Amino acid sequence: MRARLASPRARGSPPPPSSLIGAGLSGSLPASLGNLSSLTSVDLEQNFLTGALPSSVGSLAALRSLNLVSNALSGTLPAQFASLVALTSLYLANSGLCGSVPGAVQPIDGALPACPPPTFTCNAATNDPAICAALGQFYTSTSGEAWGSNKGWVNASQGGACARP
């Protein structure tokens, strides 16, 4: 998603509107979103946004309202989400996100669904179901989805012991 303001905002003027309901936006939210630290409200309902919510969203210190309803996002909310202490309105129904919400505020439209457990298949290098099962259990019990890097677990062709289909 790329957005550009037509002209710089004059000092003292109100910020540009941040409601983009049904604007047909697609793709993932850029990490640069976190640079918009004065945003107080973001309404991206009914778009075609995909991918994970960037951890930089935790830099939106003034954010009071976030609406991501009806998108195709994936994964969990980043831990940095707990930094949004001004956030009072949160709408995440049918956003594609799952798991728990870090921080004190909870979605107004109900809790996020639980994330499905990852499934594993052994690759040709391992091909030992007992080892793969043990590694899969380790990945799940240590919240492997939240690891800073789980590349080897996700793509067995890069040397990982297990792959998630």
Protein backbone atom coordinates (compact mmCIF):
# COMPACT_ATOMS: atom_id res chain seq x y z
CA MET A 1 0.00 0.00 0.00
CA ARG A 2 1.37 3.40 -0.93
CA ALA A 3 -0.20 6.67 0.02
CA ARG A 4 1.10 10.17 -0.56
CA LEU A 5 -0.21 13.44 0.70
CA ALA A 6 -0.69 15.90 -2.12
CA SER A 7 1.02 18.72 -0.24
CA PRO A 8 2.67 19.23 3.12
CA ARG A 9 0.31 20.12 5.91
CA ALA A 10 0.49 23.69 7.16
CA ARG A 11 1.44 24.16 10.80
CA GLY A 12 -1.66 24.18 12.98
CA SER A 13 -3.97 22.71 10.35
CA PRO A 14 -5.81 19.47 11.13
CA PRO A 15 -4.26 16.20 9.96
CA PRO A 16 -5.54 14.67 6.74
CA PRO A 17 -8.41 12.20 7.07
CA SER A 18 -7.27 8.68 7.86
CA SER A 19 -10.46 6.86 6.95
CA LEU A 20 -10.01 4.69 3.90
CA ILE A 21 -13.10 2.49 4.26
CA GLY A 22 -13.62 0.38 1.16
CA ALA A 23 -10.91 2.25 -0.77
CA GLY A 24 -9.82 -0.91 -2.58
CA LEU A 25 -6.39 -0.91 -0.94
CA SER A 26 -4.44 -4.14 -1.36
CA GLY A 27 -1.09 -5.51 -0.30
CA SER A 28 0.65 -5.34 3.03
CA LEU A 29 0.91 -2.42 5.40
CA PRO A 30 4.38 -0.87 5.14
CA ALA A 31 6.72 -0.63 8.11
CA SER A 32 6.84 3.12 7.42
CA LEU A 33 3.32 3.33 8.86
CA GLY A 34 5.02 3.67 12.24
CA ASN A 35 6.55 6.97 11.09
CA LEU A 36 3.12 8.62 11.20
CA SER A 37 3.36 9.15 14.96
CA SER A 38 0.69 11.88 15.13
CA LEU A 39 -2.11 9.68 13.72
CA THR A 40 -5.00 9.42 16.15
CA SER A 41 -7.37 7.31 14.04
CA VAL A 42 -6.85 4.77 11.27
CA ASP A 43 -9.85 3.26 9.51
CA LEU A 44 -8.89 0.66 6.91
CA GLU A 45 -12.12 -1.35 7.04
CA GLN A 46 -13.27 -3.36 4.00
CA ASN A 47 -10.09 -3.37 1.97
CA PHE A 48 -7.89 -6.18 0.67
CA LEU A 49 -4.93 -5.80 3.02
CA THR A 50 -2.76 -8.90 3.42
CA GLY A 51 0.25 -9.99 5.44
CA ALA A 52 1.19 -9.28 9.01
CA LEU A 53 0.67 -6.05 10.88
CA PRO A 54 4.15 -4.43 11.02
CA SER A 55 5.77 -4.12 14.44
CA SER A 56 6.29 -0.41 13.73
CA VAL A 57 2.60 0.10 14.53
CA GLY A 58 3.79 0.24 18.16
CA SER A 59 5.30 3.65 17.35
CA LEU A 60 1.88 5.24 16.78
CA ALA A 61 1.85 6.79 20.25
CA ALA A 62 -1.15 9.08 19.61
CA LEU A 63 -3.35 6.37 18.05
CA ARG A 64 -6.76 6.24 19.77
CA SER A 65 -8.78 4.25 17.22
CA LEU A 66 -7.81 1.42 14.87
CA ASN A 67 -10.24 -0.32 12.53
CA LEU A 68 -8.97 -3.24 10.43
CA VAL A 69 -12.34 -5.00 10.01
CA SER A 70 -12.89 -7.12 6.89
CA ASN A 71 -9.40 -7.50 5.47
CA ALA A 72 -7.18 -10.51 4.75
CA LEU A 73 -4.35 -9.86 7.21
CA SER A 74 -2.52 -12.80 8.76
CA GLY A 75 -0.72 -13.76 11.92
CA THR A 76 -0.86 -12.24 15.36
CA LEU A 77 -0.62 -8.69 16.60
CA PRO A 78 3.01 -7.78 17.24
CA ALA A 79 4.15 -7.46 20.87
CA GLN A 80 4.86 -3.76 20.19
CA PHE A 81 1.08 -3.30 20.00
CA ALA A 82 1.15 -3.10 23.81
CA SER A 83 2.89 0.30 23.44
CA LEU A 84 -0.32 1.87 22.13
CA VAL A 85 -1.37 3.29 25.50
CA ALA A 86 -3.69 5.94 23.97
CA LEU A 87 -5.68 3.28 22.06
CA THR A 88 -9.29 3.11 23.25
CA SER A 89 -11.18 1.82 20.18
CA LEU A 90 -10.07 -1.34 18.45
CA TYR A 91 -12.00 -3.14 15.71
CA LEU A 92 -10.54 -6.37 14.33
CA ALA A 93 -13.49 -8.60 13.33
CA ASN A 94 -12.85 -10.56 10.13
CA SER A 95 -9.43 -8.93 9.81
CA GLY A 96 -7.63 -12.27 9.40
CA LEU A 97 -5.59 -11.66 12.56
CA CYS A 98 -5.62 -14.24 15.34
CA GLY A 99 -4.38 -14.82 18.87
CA SER A 100 -4.30 -12.53 21.86
CA VAL A 101 -4.15 -8.74 21.91
CA PRO A 102 -1.04 -7.40 23.65
CA GLY A 103 -1.79 -4.53 26.04
CA ALA A 104 -4.82 -3.42 28.00
CA VAL A 105 -7.31 -2.58 25.25
CA GLN A 106 -9.40 -5.38 23.79
CA PRO A 107 -11.33 -5.36 20.50
CA ILE A 108 -14.75 -3.77 20.82
CA ASP A 109 -16.13 -6.26 18.30
CA GLY A 110 -15.04 -9.38 20.22
CA ALA A 111 -11.87 -11.35 20.82
CA LEU A 112 -9.66 -12.50 17.99
CA PRO A 113 -9.99 -16.17 17.06
CA ALA A 114 -7.31 -18.56 18.27
CA CYS A 115 -4.51 -19.12 15.80
CA PRO A 116 -4.48 -22.57 14.22
CA PRO A 117 -1.57 -24.69 15.36
CA PRO A 118 1.16 -25.06 12.77
CA THR A 119 1.42 -28.35 10.97
CA PHE A 120 4.74 -29.89 10.03
CA THR A 121 6.06 -32.27 7.46
CA CYS A 122 9.50 -33.82 7.48
CA ASN A 123 11.82 -32.97 4.65
CA ALA A 124 14.09 -35.33 2.76
CA ALA A 125 17.11 -34.49 4.95
CA THR A 126 15.38 -35.52 8.17
CA ASN A 127 12.76 -38.04 7.11
CA ASP A 128 12.46 -39.27 10.70
CA PRO A 129 8.86 -38.79 11.88
CA ALA A 130 9.86 -38.93 15.56
CA ILE A 131 12.40 -36.11 15.16
CA CYS A 132 10.01 -34.03 13.11
CA ALA A 133 7.21 -34.53 15.67
CA ALA A 134 9.53 -33.50 18.50
CA LEU A 135 10.69 -30.40 16.60
CA GLY A 136 7.09 -29.53 15.75
CA GLN A 137 6.11 -29.82 19.41
CA PHE A 138 9.07 -27.60 20.39
CA TYR A 139 8.10 -24.99 17.78
CA THR A 140 4.52 -24.91 19.03
CA SER A 141 5.35 -24.89 22.76
CA THR A 142 7.80 -21.99 22.35
CA SER A 143 5.47 -19.87 20.18
CA GLY A 144 7.55 -20.37 17.05
CA GLU A 145 5.24 -18.07 15.06
CA ALA A 146 6.44 -15.17 17.24
CA TRP A 147 10.17 -15.87 16.84
CA GLY A 148 12.13 -13.01 15.32
CA SER A 149 13.20 -15.40 12.57
CA ASN A 150 11.69 -18.79 11.88
CA LYS A 151 12.88 -18.99 8.27
CA GLY A 152 14.46 -22.42 8.60
CA TRP A 153 11.29 -23.80 10.10
CA VAL A 154 9.08 -22.39 7.40
CA ASN A 155 11.16 -23.33 4.37
CA ALA A 156 12.80 -26.73 4.59
CA SER A 157 14.66 -26.11 1.31
CA GLN A 158 16.79 -23.55 3.18
CA GLY A 159 18.11 -26.15 5.59
CA GLY A 160 15.29 -26.31 8.10
CA ALA A 161 14.46 -29.57 9.81
CA CYS A 162 10.72 -29.19 9.34
CA ALA A 163 8.49 -27.28 7.03
CA ARG A 164 5.04 -25.90 7.56
CA PRO A 165 2.89 -26.70 4.54
